[in-house]
Amino acid sequence: MSGLSPARLQLGEDATPEAIHQIESQWGLDRPFLAQYWSWFTGLLHGELGTSWVNGADISTLIGLGLGVSLSVAILALVLGVVLGSVLGTVAALRRTTWIDRAITGFVTVVSVMPGFVVGIVLVEIFAVALGWLPSAGYSPLAAGAGPWLAHVILPALALSFDIVADVARQLRTGLVSAYRENYVLGAMVRGLSPRRIFFRHVLRNGIGPALATLGIKFPQLIGASVVAEWIFGLQGFGRFANDSAQAGDVPAVQGVLVVSVAMVVTFNLIVNIVLGRIAPASQRGV
C-alpha cells in the first residue's frame, strides 16, 4: 500500500521490469495486501519479524543489536530521573513555602523546557571537550566492563533524564503537599507519631501516586527521544535504526520497530501499575 518496492531499493533505479518482478515475487509482494499482512502477522505470532528489504538481514537480529544500546541509555536515564526528581520533590515538599521550595520549583521549571539535544551538546562541550573526563561518542558493552560502559552512556542518559527529573519532582511535590493536608496525617500528628514515621508510613505512600503515573508517560518519550541522543553521541541504537529504516523505506523493519516499541511500552506501564497498586493504597480504591 505504501508503493515502495524492495526491488528498486536493492537493484536501483536502472533495474529492468523483469528483475523487479522477480524480486517482488520472491518477497510475496505480488499477492493481495491482506494475504501479505496475514503472512506477516502469523510470522509475528511465532516470534518472526521478517527480513529487511534493504539488506535481507533478519529484523529481529538487527533490532536486538540496537536495543541493548538504547535500553542501557533509557534505563539509566530513568534511574537518574527518578532518583534526582524524588530528592528534589521531597525536599521541596518538606520545605514548602520556603526559599528552598521556590528555588527547586524554579530550577525544575527551567530544566523542563530545555530540549534534550541542547542539553546533550552542552554536556559534550563541558565533560568531553573542555574537561576530557568522558568520551564524546561511541558505546562500550557492559560485558567489556562496567566502567567503560558507564563512561559511554552517562552523558546521553543524563541528557534524557532532565525532563524526567522535572516532572517527577513537580508531581511528587504536589502529591506530598496534598497528602500532608489529609485528616489522617493530622490525626497521626495529634497522636504523637514521629515526623519520620508519618512521612514514610502515611504521606509518601499516598502522595507518590502521581509521580509513579508520570513514569508510564515518560518511558515512551524516552524511546522517541533516543533518536536525537543517539545521533549526538554517535550511538547505533534502536532509535537510530528506526530512523534509518524509515528514511530508507524499509517497511518490514519499521513494522518490527513499532511492534517492539508497543510491547515495551505496554510492559513498562503494566509494571508501573502493579507497583502503584502495591505502594499507593488510594490507587486500589480508584482514587
C-alpha atoms as a PDB file:
ATOM      1  CA  MET A   1       0.000   0.000   0.000  1.00  0.00           C
ATOM      2  CA  SER A   2       2.944   2.366   0.543  1.00  0.00           C
ATOM      3  CA  GLY A   3       4.003   1.986  -3.089  1.00  0.00           C
ATOM      4  CA  LEU A   4       7.584   1.296  -2.043  1.00  0.00           C
ATOM      5  CA  SER A   5       9.370  -1.510  -3.817  1.00  0.00           C
ATOM      6  CA  PRO A   6      12.152  -3.517  -2.175  1.00  0.00           C
ATOM      7  CA  ALA A   7      13.332  -4.465  -5.645  1.00  0.00           C
ATOM      8  CA  ARG A   8      14.080  -0.842  -6.509  1.00  0.00           C
ATOM      9  CA  LEU A   9      15.773  -0.389  -3.133  1.00  0.00           C
ATOM     10  CA  GLN A  10      18.081  -3.331  -3.828  1.00  0.00           C
ATOM     11  CA  LEU A  11      18.566  -3.096  -7.609  1.00  0.00           C
ATOM     12  CA  GLY A  12      18.474   0.662  -8.090  1.00  0.00           C
ATOM     13  CA  GLU A  13      16.539   2.851 -10.492  1.00  0.00           C
ATOM     14  CA  ASP A  14      18.058   1.188 -13.566  1.00  0.00           C
ATOM     15  CA  ALA A  15      16.585  -2.239 -12.776  1.00  0.00           C
ATOM     16  CA  THR A  16      14.620  -3.951 -15.543  1.00  0.00           C
ATOM     17  CA  PRO A  17      10.900  -4.743 -15.062  1.00  0.00           C
ATOM     18  CA  GLU A  18      11.713  -8.470 -15.196  1.00  0.00           C
ATOM     19  CA  ALA A  19      14.250  -8.209 -12.388  1.00  0.00           C
ATOM     20  CA  ILE A  20      11.850  -6.106 -10.299  1.00  0.00           C
ATOM     21  CA  HIS A  21       9.041  -8.626 -10.790  1.00  0.00           C
ATOM     22  CA  GLN A  22      11.340 -11.489  -9.782  1.00  0.00           C
ATOM     23  CA  ILE A  23      12.344  -9.784  -6.512  1.00  0.00           C
ATOM     24  CA  GLU A  24       8.749  -8.814  -5.690  1.00  0.00           C
ATOM     25  CA  SER A  25       7.609 -12.390  -6.283  1.00  0.00           C
ATOM     26  CA  GLN A  26      10.394 -13.586  -4.014  1.00  0.00           C
ATOM     27  CA  TRP A  27       9.118 -11.287  -1.230  1.00  0.00           C
ATOM     28  CA  GLY A  28       5.486 -12.199  -1.921  1.00  0.00           C
ATOM     29  CA  LEU A  29       4.549  -8.628  -2.848  1.00  0.00           C
ATOM     30  CA  ASP A  30       2.636  -9.737  -5.924  1.00  0.00           C
ATOM     31  CA  ARG A  31      -0.073 -11.159  -3.631  1.00  0.00           C
ATOM     32  CA  PRO A  32      -3.102  -9.202  -2.315  1.00  0.00           C
ATOM     33  CA  PHE A  33      -2.460  -6.838   0.576  1.00  0.00           C
ATOM     34  CA  LEU A  34      -4.493  -8.812   3.129  1.00  0.00           C
ATOM     35  CA  ALA A  35      -2.650 -12.011   2.193  1.00  0.00           C
ATOM     36  CA  GLN A  36       0.681 -10.249   2.737  1.00  0.00           C
ATOM     37  CA  TYR A  37      -0.463  -8.834   6.063  1.00  0.00           C
ATOM     38  CA  TRP A  38      -1.725 -12.212   7.253  1.00  0.00           C
ATOM     39  CA  SER A  39       1.620 -13.821   6.425  1.00  0.00           C
ATOM     40  CA  TRP A  40       3.428 -11.122   8.388  1.00  0.00           C
ATOM     41  CA  PHE A  41       1.028 -11.390  11.342  1.00  0.00           C
ATOM     42  CA  THR A  42       1.254 -15.179  11.570  1.00  0.00           C
ATOM     43  CA  GLY A  43       5.041 -14.877  11.469  1.00  0.00           C
ATOM     44  CA  LEU A  44       4.845 -12.329  14.284  1.00  0.00           C
ATOM     45  CA  LEU A  45       2.900 -14.803  16.421  1.00  0.00           C
ATOM     46  CA  HIS A  46       5.828 -17.198  16.016  1.00  0.00           C
ATOM     47  CA  GLY A  47       8.335 -14.505  17.000  1.00  0.00           C
ATOM     48  CA  GLU A  48       9.460 -13.757  13.441  1.00  0.00           C
ATOM     49  CA  LEU A  49       9.608 -10.095  12.390  1.00  0.00           C
ATOM     50  CA  GLY A  50      10.637 -10.831   8.820  1.00  0.00           C
ATOM     51  CA  THR A  51      13.664  -9.740   6.816  1.00  0.00           C
ATOM     52  CA  SER A  52      14.900  -6.312   5.814  1.00  0.00           C
ATOM     53  CA  TRP A  53      14.139  -5.007   2.340  1.00  0.00           C
ATOM     54  CA  VAL A  54      17.436  -3.128   2.278  1.00  0.00           C
ATOM     55  CA  ASN A  55      19.994  -5.836   3.102  1.00  0.00           C
ATOM     56  CA  GLY A  56      17.953  -9.034   3.531  1.00  0.00           C
ATOM     57  CA  ALA A  57      19.065  -9.450   7.169  1.00  0.00           C
ATOM     58  CA  ASP A  58      16.805 -10.794   9.898  1.00  0.00           C
ATOM     59  CA  ILE A  59      14.980  -7.865  11.512  1.00  0.00           C
ATOM     60  CA  SER A  60      14.923  -9.467  14.968  1.00  0.00           C
ATOM     61  CA  THR A  61      18.730  -9.634  14.868  1.00  0.00           C
ATOM     62  CA  LEU A  62      19.054  -6.021  13.681  1.00  0.00           C
ATOM     63  CA  ILE A  63      16.702  -4.767  16.395  1.00  0.00           C
ATOM     64  CA  GLY A  64      18.463  -6.827  19.048  1.00  0.00           C
ATOM     65  CA  LEU A  65      21.812  -5.230  18.166  1.00  0.00           C
ATOM     66  CA  GLY A  66      20.488  -1.723  18.753  1.00  0.00           C
ATOM     67  CA  LEU A  67      18.058  -2.457  21.562  1.00  0.00           C
ATOM     68  CA  GLY A  68      20.784  -3.192  24.098  1.00  0.00           C
ATOM     69  CA  VAL A  69      22.335   0.235  23.469  1.00  0.00           C
ATOM     70  CA  SER A  70      19.044   2.112  23.713  1.00  0.00           C
ATOM     71  CA  LEU A  71      17.827   0.248  26.791  1.00  0.00           C
ATOM     72  CA  SER A  72      21.135   0.945  28.540  1.00  0.00           C
ATOM     73  CA  VAL A  73      20.686   4.674  27.970  1.00  0.00           C
ATOM     74  CA  ALA A  74      16.927   4.705  28.662  1.00  0.00           C
ATOM     75  CA  ILE A  75      17.081   2.677  31.879  1.00  0.00           C
ATOM     76  CA  LEU A  76      19.972   4.743  33.249  1.00  0.00           C
ATOM     77  CA  ALA A  77      18.124   7.948  32.279  1.00  0.00           C
ATOM     78  CA  LEU A  78      15.038   6.652  34.061  1.00  0.00           C
ATOM     79  CA  VAL A  79      17.014   5.798  37.208  1.00  0.00           C
ATOM     80  CA  LEU A  80      18.749   9.190  37.239  1.00  0.00           C
ATOM     81  CA  GLY A  81      15.471  10.991  36.621  1.00  0.00           C
ATOM     82  CA  VAL A  82      13.624   9.131  39.361  1.00  0.00           C
ATOM     83  CA  VAL A  83      16.403   9.495  41.950  1.00  0.00           C
ATOM     84  CA  LEU A  84      17.131  13.190  41.328  1.00  0.00           C
ATOM     85  CA  GLY A  85      13.476  14.065  40.844  1.00  0.00           C
ATOM     86  CA  SER A  86      12.463  12.244  44.036  1.00  0.00           C
ATOM     87  CA  VAL A  87      15.116  14.023  46.074  1.00  0.00           C
ATOM     88  CA  LEU A  88      14.145  17.456  44.727  1.00  0.00           C
ATOM     89  CA  GLY A  89      10.408  16.820  45.056  1.00  0.00           C
ATOM     90  CA  THR A  90      10.725  15.507  48.607  1.00  0.00           C
ATOM     91  CA  VAL A  91      12.911  18.397  49.768  1.00  0.00           C
ATOM     92  CA  ALA A  92      10.547  20.912  48.162  1.00  0.00           C
ATOM     93  CA  ALA A  93       7.541  19.331  49.915  1.00  0.00           C
ATOM     94  CA  LEU A  94       9.265  19.178  53.307  1.00  0.00           C
ATOM     95  CA  ARG A  95      10.403  22.805  52.958  1.00  0.00           C
ATOM     96  CA  ARG A  96       7.227  24.063  51.289  1.00  0.00           C
ATOM     97  CA  THR A  97       6.651  27.839  51.090  1.00  0.00           C
ATOM     98  CA  THR A  98      10.337  28.481  51.933  1.00  0.00           C
ATOM     99  CA  TRP A  99      13.061  29.802  49.641  1.00  0.00           C
ATOM    100  CA  ILE A 100      14.291  26.226  49.143  1.00  0.00           C
ATOM    101  CA  ASP A 101      10.899  25.246  47.751  1.00  0.00           C
ATOM    102  CA  ARG A 102      10.870  28.266  45.440  1.00  0.00           C
ATOM    103  CA  ALA A 103      14.435  27.594  44.259  1.00  0.00           C
ATOM    104  CA  ILE A 104      13.699  23.952  43.443  1.00  0.00           C
ATOM    105  CA  THR A 105      10.459  24.892  41.667  1.00  0.00           C
ATOM    106  CA  GLY A 106      12.295  27.474  39.579  1.00  0.00           C
ATOM    107  CA  PHE A 107      15.078  25.022  38.747  1.00  0.00           C
ATOM    108  CA  VAL A 108      12.775  22.234  37.563  1.00  0.00           C
ATOM    109  CA  THR A 109      10.756  24.751  35.537  1.00  0.00           C
ATOM    110  CA  VAL A 110      13.890  25.818  33.661  1.00  0.00           C
ATOM    111  CA  VAL A 111      15.036  22.227  33.216  1.00  0.00           C
ATOM    112  CA  SER A 112      11.656  21.122  31.847  1.00  0.00           C
ATOM    113  CA  VAL A 113      11.840  23.495  28.864  1.00  0.00           C
ATOM    114  CA  MET A 114      15.417  22.614  27.862  1.00  0.00           C
ATOM    115  CA  PRO A 115      15.447  20.413  24.710  1.00  0.00           C
ATOM    116  CA  GLY A 116      17.361  17.159  25.058  1.00  0.00           C
ATOM    117  CA  PHE A 117      19.620  17.847  22.077  1.00  0.00           C
ATOM    118  CA  VAL A 118      20.683  21.200  23.562  1.00  0.00           C
ATOM    119  CA  VAL A 119      21.482  19.565  26.899  1.00  0.00           C
ATOM    120  CA  GLY A 120      23.405  16.825  25.094  1.00  0.00           C
ATOM    121  CA  ILE A 121      25.549  19.273  23.135  1.00  0.00           C
ATOM    122  CA  VAL A 122      26.308  21.290  26.291  1.00  0.00           C
ATOM    123  CA  LEU A 123      27.283  18.134  28.206  1.00  0.00           C
ATOM    124  CA  VAL A 124      29.634  17.061  25.400  1.00  0.00           C
ATOM    125  CA  GLU A 125      31.248  20.508  25.323  1.00  0.00           C
ATOM    126  CA  ILE A 126      31.806  20.520  29.085  1.00  0.00           C
ATOM    127  CA  PHE A 127      32.671  16.940  30.046  1.00  0.00           C
ATOM    128  CA  ALA A 128      34.146  15.583  26.806  1.00  0.00           C
ATOM    129  CA  VAL A 129      35.753  18.562  25.053  1.00  0.00           C
ATOM    130  CA  ALA A 130      36.652  21.035  27.817  1.00  0.00           C
ATOM    131  CA  LEU A 131      37.387  18.679  30.723  1.00  0.00           C
ATOM    132  CA  GLY A 132      38.128  15.471  28.804  1.00  0.00           C
ATOM    133  CA  TRP A 133      36.611  13.336  31.535  1.00  0.00           C
ATOM    134  CA  LEU A 134      34.256  11.285  29.360  1.00  0.00           C
ATOM    135  CA  PRO A 135      34.170  10.083  25.734  1.00  0.00           C
ATOM    136  CA  SER A 136      32.063  12.195  23.381  1.00  0.00           C
ATOM    137  CA  ALA A 137      30.751   9.323  21.262  1.00  0.00           C
ATOM    138  CA  GLY A 138      30.633   5.548  20.860  1.00  0.00           C
ATOM    139  CA  TYR A 139      29.434   2.673  23.002  1.00  0.00           C
ATOM    140  CA  SER A 140      31.099   0.004  25.096  1.00  0.00           C
ATOM    141  CA  PRO A 141      29.019  -3.078  26.005  1.00  0.00           C
ATOM    142  CA  LEU A 142      28.564  -3.963  29.648  1.00  0.00           C
ATOM    143  CA  ALA A 143      30.407  -7.231  29.014  1.00  0.00           C
ATOM    144  CA  ALA A 144      33.571  -5.214  28.382  1.00  0.00           C
ATOM    145  CA  GLY A 145      33.421  -3.745  31.878  1.00  0.00           C
ATOM    146  CA  ALA A 146      31.117  -1.591  33.971  1.00  0.00           C
ATOM    147  CA  GLY A 147      33.498   1.375  33.933  1.00  0.00           C
ATOM    148  CA  PRO A 148      33.767   1.826  30.130  1.00  0.00           C
ATOM    149  CA  TRP A 149      30.047   1.100  29.732  1.00  0.00           C
ATOM    150  CA  LEU A 150      29.072   3.760  32.272  1.00  0.00           C
ATOM    151  CA  ALA A 151      31.521   6.269  30.785  1.00  0.00           C
ATOM    152  CA  HIS A 152      29.850   5.949  27.353  1.00  0.00           C
ATOM    153  CA  VAL A 153      26.197   6.015  28.465  1.00  0.00           C
ATOM    154  CA  ILE A 154      26.224   8.514  31.346  1.00  0.00           C
ATOM    155  CA  LEU A 155      26.150  11.653  29.161  1.00  0.00           C
ATOM    156  CA  PRO A 156      23.287  10.600  26.849  1.00  0.00           C
ATOM    157  CA  ALA A 157      21.379   9.235  29.851  1.00  0.00           C
ATOM    158  CA  LEU A 158      21.862  12.494  31.734  1.00  0.00           C
ATOM    159  CA  ALA A 159      20.698  14.490  28.711  1.00  0.00           C
ATOM    160  CA  LEU A 160      17.490  12.430  28.513  1.00  0.00           C
ATOM    161  CA  SER A 161      16.880  12.469  32.267  1.00  0.00           C
ATOM    162  CA  PHE A 162      16.337  16.221  32.679  1.00  0.00           C
ATOM    163  CA  ASP A 163      12.710  16.113  31.582  1.00  0.00           C
ATOM    164  CA  ILE A 164      12.039  13.155  33.894  1.00  0.00           C
ATOM    165  CA  VAL A 165      13.676  14.971  36.810  1.00  0.00           C
ATOM    166  CA  ALA A 166      11.416  17.975  36.292  1.00  0.00           C
ATOM    167  CA  ASP A 167       8.164  16.027  36.006  1.00  0.00           C
ATOM    168  CA  VAL A 168       8.870  13.623  38.864  1.00  0.00           C
ATOM    169  CA  ALA A 169       9.911  16.493  41.153  1.00  0.00           C
ATOM    170  CA  ARG A 170       6.790  18.533  40.384  1.00  0.00           C
ATOM    171  CA  GLN A 171       4.351  15.645  40.639  1.00  0.00           C
ATOM    172  CA  LEU A 172       5.941  14.289  43.815  1.00  0.00           C
ATOM    173  CA  ARG A 173       5.929  17.691  45.496  1.00  0.00           C
ATOM    174  CA  THR A 174       2.262  18.188  44.607  1.00  0.00           C
ATOM    175  CA  GLY A 175       1.326  14.722  45.851  1.00  0.00           C
ATOM    176  CA  LEU A 176       3.221  15.032  49.120  1.00  0.00           C
ATOM    177  CA  VAL A 177       1.896  18.504  49.905  1.00  0.00           C
ATOM    178  CA  SER A 178      -1.639  17.272  49.224  1.00  0.00           C
ATOM    179  CA  ALA A 179      -1.101  14.221  51.449  1.00  0.00           C
ATOM    180  CA  TYR A 180       0.143  16.397  54.319  1.00  0.00           C
ATOM    181  CA  ARG A 181      -3.230  18.186  54.293  1.00  0.00           C
ATOM    182  CA  GLU A 182      -5.247  14.996  54.758  1.00  0.00           C
ATOM    183  CA  ASN A 183      -7.065  14.337  58.016  1.00  0.00           C
ATOM    184  CA  TYR A 184      -5.299  11.031  58.664  1.00  0.00           C
ATOM    185  CA  VAL A 185      -1.941  12.850  58.670  1.00  0.00           C
ATOM    186  CA  LEU A 186      -3.237  15.458  61.099  1.00  0.00           C
ATOM    187  CA  GLY A 187      -4.563  12.628  63.268  1.00  0.00           C
ATOM    188  CA  ALA A 188      -1.166  10.933  63.233  1.00  0.00           C
ATOM    189  CA  MET A 189       0.466  14.189  64.338  1.00  0.00           C
ATOM    190  CA  VAL A 190      -2.027  14.589  67.184  1.00  0.00           C
ATOM    191  CA  ARG A 191      -1.301  11.034  68.367  1.00  0.00           C
ATOM    192  CA  GLY A 192       2.350  11.979  68.674  1.00  0.00           C
ATOM    193  CA  LEU A 193       3.837   9.850  65.893  1.00  0.00           C
ATOM    194  CA  SER A 194       7.322  10.876  64.825  1.00  0.00           C
ATOM    195  CA  PRO A 195       7.660  13.032  61.672  1.00  0.00           C
ATOM    196  CA  ARG A 196       9.795  10.304  60.089  1.00  0.00           C
ATOM    197  CA  ARG A 197       7.139   7.647  60.605  1.00  0.00           C
ATOM    198  CA  ILE A 198       4.367   9.960  59.431  1.00  0.00           C
ATOM    199  CA  PHE A 199       6.276  10.743  56.244  1.00  0.00           C
ATOM    200  CA  PHE A 200       7.243   7.203  55.235  1.00  0.00           C
ATOM    201  CA  ARG A 201       4.161   5.385  56.538  1.00  0.00           C
ATOM    202  CA  HIS A 202       1.377   7.786  55.574  1.00  0.00           C
ATOM    203  CA  VAL A 203       2.490  10.748  53.439  1.00  0.00           C
ATOM    204  CA  LEU A 204       4.896   9.106  50.977  1.00  0.00           C
ATOM    205  CA  ARG A 205       2.745   6.036  50.277  1.00  0.00           C
ATOM    206  CA  ASN A 206      -0.308   8.141  49.497  1.00  0.00           C
ATOM    207  CA  GLY A 207       1.470  11.016  47.755  1.00  0.00           C
ATOM    208  CA  ILE A 208       3.744   9.088  45.418  1.00  0.00           C
ATOM    209  CA  GLY A 209       0.950   8.047  43.050  1.00  0.00           C
ATOM    210  CA  PRO A 210       1.096  10.994  40.573  1.00  0.00           C
ATOM    211  CA  ALA A 211       4.884  10.712  40.272  1.00  0.00           C
ATOM    212  CA  LEU A 212       4.697   6.986  39.517  1.00  0.00           C
ATOM    213  CA  ALA A 213       1.923   7.528  36.983  1.00  0.00           C
ATOM    214  CA  THR A 214       4.155  10.087  35.247  1.00  0.00           C
ATOM    215  CA  LEU A 215       6.752   7.398  34.549  1.00  0.00           C
ATOM    216  CA  GLY A 216       4.251   5.487  32.442  1.00  0.00           C
ATOM    217  CA  ILE A 217       4.071   8.506  30.129  1.00  0.00           C
ATOM    218  CA  LYS A 218       7.785   9.287  30.178  1.00  0.00           C
ATOM    219  CA  PHE A 219       9.024   5.861  29.074  1.00  0.00           C
ATOM    220  CA  PRO A 220       7.555   6.116  25.546  1.00  0.00           C
ATOM    221  CA  GLN A 221       9.035   9.608  25.305  1.00  0.00           C
ATOM    222  CA  LEU A 222      12.444   8.189  26.202  1.00  0.00           C
ATOM    223  CA  ILE A 223      12.200   5.766  23.290  1.00  0.00           C
ATOM    224  CA  GLY A 224      11.325   8.582  20.905  1.00  0.00           C
ATOM    225  CA  ALA A 225      13.933  10.990  22.267  1.00  0.00           C
ATOM    226  CA  SER A 226      16.651   8.348  21.958  1.00  0.00           C
ATOM    227  CA  VAL A 227      16.838   9.074  18.220  1.00  0.00           C
ATOM    228  CA  VAL A 228      18.278  12.555  18.811  1.00  0.00           C
ATOM    229  CA  ALA A 229      20.535  11.436  21.660  1.00  0.00           C
ATOM    230  CA  GLU A 230      21.976   8.591  19.593  1.00  0.00           C
ATOM    231  CA  TRP A 231      22.814  10.962  16.734  1.00  0.00           C
ATOM    232  CA  ILE A 232      24.547  13.445  19.067  1.00  0.00           C
ATOM    233  CA  PHE A 233      26.576  10.790  20.885  1.00  0.00           C
ATOM    234  CA  GLY A 234      27.269   8.530  17.893  1.00  0.00           C
ATOM    235  CA  LEU A 235      25.339   5.522  19.193  1.00  0.00           C
ATOM    236  CA  GLN A 236      23.980   2.806  16.900  1.00  0.00           C
ATOM    237  CA  GLY A 237      20.861   2.146  18.923  1.00  0.00           C
ATOM    238  CA  PHE A 238      17.228   1.236  18.498  1.00  0.00           C
ATOM    239  CA  GLY A 239      16.107   4.797  17.797  1.00  0.00           C
ATOM    240  CA  ARG A 240      18.705   5.364  15.110  1.00  0.00           C
ATOM    241  CA  PHE A 241      17.839   2.040  13.487  1.00  0.00           C
ATOM    242  CA  ALA A 242      14.173   3.108  13.399  1.00  0.00           C
ATOM    243  CA  ASN A 243      15.083   6.443  11.837  1.00  0.00           C
ATOM    244  CA  ASP A 244      17.350   4.885   9.199  1.00  0.00           C
ATOM    245  CA  SER A 245      14.724   2.250   8.343  1.00  0.00           C
ATOM    246  CA  ALA A 246      12.017   4.868   7.889  1.00  0.00           C
ATOM    247  CA  GLN A 247      14.218   7.027   5.655  1.00  0.00           C
ATOM    248  CA  ALA A 248      15.226   4.010   3.554  1.00  0.00           C
ATOM    249  CA  GLY A 249      11.608   2.890   3.125  1.00  0.00           C
ATOM    250  CA  ASP A 250      12.319  -0.443   4.812  1.00  0.00           C
ATOM    251  CA  VAL A 251       8.692  -1.249   5.664  1.00  0.00           C
ATOM    252  CA  PRO A 252       9.280  -4.625   7.417  1.00  0.00           C
ATOM    253  CA  ALA A 253      11.930  -3.029   9.638  1.00  0.00           C
ATOM    254  CA  VAL A 254       9.585  -0.156  10.557  1.00  0.00           C
ATOM    255  CA  GLN A 255       6.849  -2.682  11.360  1.00  0.00           C
ATOM    256  CA  GLY A 256       9.246  -4.600  13.590  1.00  0.00           C
ATOM    257  CA  VAL A 257      10.307  -1.410  15.372  1.00  0.00           C
ATOM    258  CA  LEU A 258       6.692  -0.495  16.066  1.00  0.00           C
ATOM    259  CA  VAL A 259       5.853  -3.959  17.391  1.00  0.00           C
ATOM    260  CA  VAL A 260       8.840  -3.957  19.767  1.00  0.00           C
ATOM    261  CA  SER A 261       8.097  -0.370  20.862  1.00  0.00           C
ATOM    262  CA  VAL A 262       4.465  -1.180  21.659  1.00  0.00           C
ATOM    263  CA  ALA A 263       5.494  -4.311  23.566  1.00  0.00           C
ATOM    264  CA  MET A 264       8.000  -2.340  25.667  1.00  0.00           C
ATOM    265  CA  VAL A 265       5.539   0.468  26.435  1.00  0.00           C
ATOM    266  CA  VAL A 266       2.741  -1.929  27.421  1.00  0.00           C
ATOM    267  CA  THR A 267       5.100  -3.999  29.589  1.00  0.00           C
ATOM    268  CA  PHE A 268       6.526  -0.944  31.342  1.00  0.00           C
ATOM    269  CA  ASN A 269       3.088   0.537  32.017  1.00  0.00           C
ATOM    270  CA  LEU A 270       1.922  -2.803  33.400  1.00  0.00           C
ATOM    271  CA  ILE A 271       4.888  -2.838  35.786  1.00  0.00           C
ATOM    272  CA  VAL A 272       4.173   0.761  36.856  1.00  0.00           C
ATOM    273  CA  ASN A 273       0.522  -0.038  37.562  1.00  0.00           C
ATOM    274  CA  ILE A 274       1.439  -3.142  39.578  1.00  0.00           C
ATOM    275  CA  VAL A 275       3.956  -1.154  41.657  1.00  0.00           C
ATOM    276  CA  LEU A 276       1.451   1.679  42.053  1.00  0.00           C
ATOM    277  CA  GLY A 277      -1.190  -0.739  43.321  1.00  0.00           C
ATOM    278  CA  ARG A 278       1.223  -2.207  45.855  1.00  0.00           C
ATOM    279  CA  ILE A 279       2.629   1.083  47.142  1.00  0.00           C
ATOM    280  CA  ALA A 280      -0.235   3.563  46.972  1.00  0.00           C
ATOM    281  CA  PRO A 281      -3.341   2.345  48.832  1.00  0.00           C
ATOM    282  CA  ALA A 282      -5.538   5.038  47.274  1.00  0.00           C
ATOM    283  CA  SER A 283      -4.943   3.663  43.766  1.00  0.00           C
ATOM    284  CA  GLN A 284      -6.523   0.344  44.757  1.00  0.00           C
ATOM    285  CA  ARG A 285      -9.754   2.174  45.545  1.00  0.00           C
ATOM    286  CA  GLY A 286      -9.732   4.000  42.224  1.00  0.00           C
ATOM    287  CA  VAL A 287      -8.916   7.330  43.853  1.00  0.00           C
END
